[in-house]
Amino acid sequence: MPTATSIVTRHEVEDFLFEEAALLDEWRLDEWLDLFTLVCGYYVPPTDVPDGDHRTSLFLIADDRARLESRVEQLKGRFVHAEHPHSRTRRLIGNVRIREVVGDTVRVTSNFIVYRLRLEVTDAYVGRYEHTLQRDGGSFKISERRAVLDLDALRPHGKVSFLL
């Protein structure tokens, strides 16, 4: 029999993911960072090993909490030339699916398109998000977030200098 804490609706998960996307698009990085648990991971696997393990494969991004905090501080500063002034982005999130609920832990997948506009160039990053969420009162906190790109390679984009 499900408990009150184990009942999770797609609607509330979508609201959370949409709010996360808005924080990133609005460059409210400190508020975005507050969505994460104190022990967390943010991962972007390589395009040739999308289901790889960050402990055994070289990932584009494999951040724990300390590294994620550092990344946010760098992006907010003036010395990350690839993001100063910062890119404008628009995220479209769809096909949100609750994969598993165990106690207060919720595993969710969704599809994304992130449009990045910078220096008169528009790039599209396409893929899926894999979130592991922890119940936090009436909302959630992110304990793990993977942005798995469907791209064959980062060309013509070249790099990921912003937060997917």
Protein backbone atom coordinates (compact mmCIF):
# COMPACT_ATOMS: atom_id res chain seq x y z
CA MET A 1 0.00 0.00 0.00
CA PRO A 2 1.51 3.36 -1.00
CA THR A 3 2.27 5.87 1.73
CA ALA A 4 1.62 9.59 1.51
CA THR A 5 5.32 10.21 0.82
CA SER A 6 5.49 7.64 -1.99
CA ILE A 7 2.60 9.09 -4.02
CA VAL A 8 4.12 11.23 -6.74
CA THR A 9 2.26 12.67 -9.71
CA ARG A 10 3.68 13.45 -13.12
CA HIS A 11 2.17 16.91 -12.79
CA GLU A 12 4.23 17.80 -9.71
CA VAL A 13 7.39 16.34 -11.27
CA GLU A 14 6.75 18.34 -14.47
CA ASP A 15 6.24 21.52 -12.43
CA PHE A 16 9.58 20.91 -10.72
CA LEU A 17 11.41 20.24 -14.02
CA PHE A 18 9.80 23.28 -15.67
CA GLU A 19 10.88 25.47 -12.75
CA GLU A 20 14.41 24.08 -12.97
CA ALA A 21 14.49 24.89 -16.70
CA ALA A 22 13.24 28.43 -16.04
CA LEU A 23 15.95 29.03 -13.44
CA LEU A 24 18.63 27.98 -15.92
CA ASP A 25 17.15 29.97 -18.81
CA GLU A 26 16.91 33.05 -16.58
CA TRP A 27 20.53 32.52 -15.42
CA ARG A 28 19.39 32.29 -11.78
CA LEU A 29 22.23 29.87 -11.04
CA ASP A 30 22.31 30.21 -7.25
CA GLU A 31 18.62 29.32 -7.06
CA TRP A 32 19.24 26.40 -9.43
CA LEU A 33 22.08 25.18 -7.23
CA ASP A 34 19.72 25.32 -4.23
CA LEU A 35 17.61 22.63 -5.95
CA PHE A 36 20.38 20.08 -5.29
CA THR A 37 20.96 17.98 -2.19
CA LEU A 38 24.24 18.46 -0.32
CA VAL A 39 25.50 15.12 -1.68
CA CYS A 40 24.74 15.18 -5.39
CA GLY A 41 26.03 14.63 -8.90
CA TYR A 42 25.66 16.48 -12.19
CA TYR A 43 26.77 14.47 -15.22
CA VAL A 44 27.02 14.89 -18.96
CA PRO A 45 28.30 11.63 -20.47
CA PRO A 46 30.34 11.58 -23.69
CA THR A 47 28.35 11.38 -26.90
CA ASP A 48 29.93 8.02 -27.80
CA VAL A 49 29.17 6.36 -24.41
CA PRO A 50 25.80 7.84 -23.37
CA ASP A 51 25.10 5.16 -20.77
CA GLY A 52 28.64 5.19 -19.40
CA ASP A 53 29.69 5.39 -15.77
CA HIS A 54 31.49 8.56 -14.70
CA ARG A 55 33.85 6.47 -12.55
CA THR A 56 35.16 4.48 -15.54
CA SER A 57 34.57 6.75 -18.58
CA LEU A 58 35.78 10.24 -19.38
CA PHE A 59 32.66 12.41 -19.09
CA LEU A 60 32.13 15.88 -20.52
CA ILE A 61 31.00 16.88 -17.01
CA ALA A 62 31.15 14.82 -13.81
CA ASP A 63 30.56 17.17 -10.89
CA ASP A 64 29.99 16.45 -7.23
CA ARG A 65 28.54 19.21 -5.01
CA ALA A 66 31.84 21.04 -4.50
CA ARG A 67 32.65 21.02 -8.22
CA LEU A 68 29.11 22.10 -9.11
CA GLU A 69 29.34 25.04 -6.69
CA SER A 70 32.66 25.99 -8.28
CA ARG A 71 31.18 25.73 -11.80
CA VAL A 72 28.29 28.02 -10.85
CA GLU A 73 30.66 30.59 -9.32
CA GLN A 74 32.84 30.53 -12.42
CA LEU A 75 29.86 30.96 -14.74
CA LYS A 76 28.62 33.93 -12.73
CA GLY A 77 32.05 35.60 -12.88
CA ARG A 78 33.63 37.61 -15.66
CA PHE A 79 36.53 35.27 -16.39
CA VAL A 80 34.75 32.45 -18.22
CA HIS A 81 35.18 34.04 -21.63
CA ALA A 82 33.07 31.41 -23.39
CA GLU A 83 30.11 32.60 -21.31
CA HIS A 84 30.73 36.32 -20.85
CA PRO A 85 28.34 37.74 -21.65
CA HIS A 86 26.40 34.57 -20.94
CA SER A 87 24.47 32.63 -23.55
CA ARG A 88 20.75 32.99 -23.86
CA THR A 89 19.00 29.63 -23.68
CA ARG A 90 15.51 28.22 -24.06
CA ARG A 91 14.75 24.74 -22.79
CA LEU A 92 11.83 22.64 -23.95
CA ILE A 93 11.07 19.68 -21.68
CA GLY A 94 8.74 16.88 -22.76
CA ASN A 95 7.82 13.23 -22.40
CA VAL A 96 8.26 13.35 -18.61
CA ARG A 97 8.06 9.84 -17.19
CA ILE A 98 8.26 8.63 -13.62
CA ARG A 99 10.43 5.52 -13.79
CA GLU A 100 10.56 4.46 -10.15
CA VAL A 101 9.42 5.61 -6.73
CA VAL A 102 11.08 4.05 -3.68
CA GLY A 103 10.18 5.79 -0.44
CA ASP A 104 11.14 9.45 -0.90
CA THR A 105 13.35 8.78 -3.96
CA VAL A 106 11.91 9.35 -7.43
CA ARG A 107 13.69 8.44 -10.69
CA VAL A 108 12.46 10.48 -13.64
CA THR A 109 13.36 10.75 -17.32
CA SER A 110 12.39 13.47 -19.78
CA ASN A 111 13.40 14.64 -23.23
CA PHE A 112 14.92 18.05 -23.85
CA ILE A 113 15.92 20.50 -26.49
CA VAL A 114 18.12 23.35 -25.32
CA TYR A 115 18.49 26.20 -27.77
CA ARG A 116 21.63 28.22 -27.09
CA LEU A 117 21.89 31.67 -28.65
CA ARG A 118 25.28 33.34 -28.59
CA LEU A 119 27.12 35.73 -30.93
CA GLU A 120 24.43 35.49 -33.62
CA VAL A 121 24.61 31.67 -33.67
CA THR A 122 21.86 29.32 -32.53
CA ASP A 123 22.82 25.79 -31.49
CA ALA A 124 20.37 23.03 -30.56
CA TYR A 125 21.31 20.44 -27.95
CA VAL A 126 18.95 17.45 -27.96
CA GLY A 127 18.78 14.61 -25.49
CA ARG A 128 17.24 13.23 -22.33
CA TYR A 129 17.45 14.17 -18.70
CA GLU A 130 17.67 11.53 -16.01
CA HIS A 131 16.87 12.95 -12.60
CA THR A 132 17.00 11.25 -9.24
CA LEU A 133 14.87 13.36 -6.93
CA GLN A 134 14.42 13.33 -3.17
CA ARG A 135 11.20 14.45 -1.54
CA ASP A 136 11.75 17.73 0.28
CA GLY A 137 8.57 18.82 1.98
CA GLY A 138 6.11 19.72 -0.76
CA SER A 139 8.72 19.66 -3.51
CA PHE A 140 11.93 17.87 -4.46
CA LYS A 141 15.70 18.17 -4.33
CA ILE A 142 17.98 16.77 -7.03
CA SER A 143 20.44 14.13 -5.86
CA GLU A 144 21.58 13.22 -9.39
CA ARG A 145 21.07 14.85 -12.77
CA ARG A 146 22.30 13.45 -16.08
CA ALA A 147 21.99 15.30 -19.36
CA VAL A 148 22.47 12.61 -22.03
CA LEU A 149 23.04 14.17 -25.44
CA ASP A 150 21.65 12.49 -28.56
CA LEU A 151 24.23 14.26 -30.72
CA ASP A 152 26.76 12.14 -32.62
CA ALA A 153 29.45 14.65 -31.67
CA LEU A 154 29.68 18.14 -30.24
CA ARG A 155 30.35 19.57 -33.68
CA PRO A 156 29.36 22.09 -34.86
CA HIS A 157 28.72 23.23 -31.25
CA GLY A 158 32.31 22.51 -30.21
CA LYS A 159 31.80 22.46 -26.44
CA VAL A 160 29.37 22.70 -23.55
CA SER A 161 30.33 25.90 -21.73
CA PHE A 162 26.93 26.45 -20.10
CA LEU A 163 24.70 24.30 -17.90
CA LEU A 164 22.66 21.81 -19.88
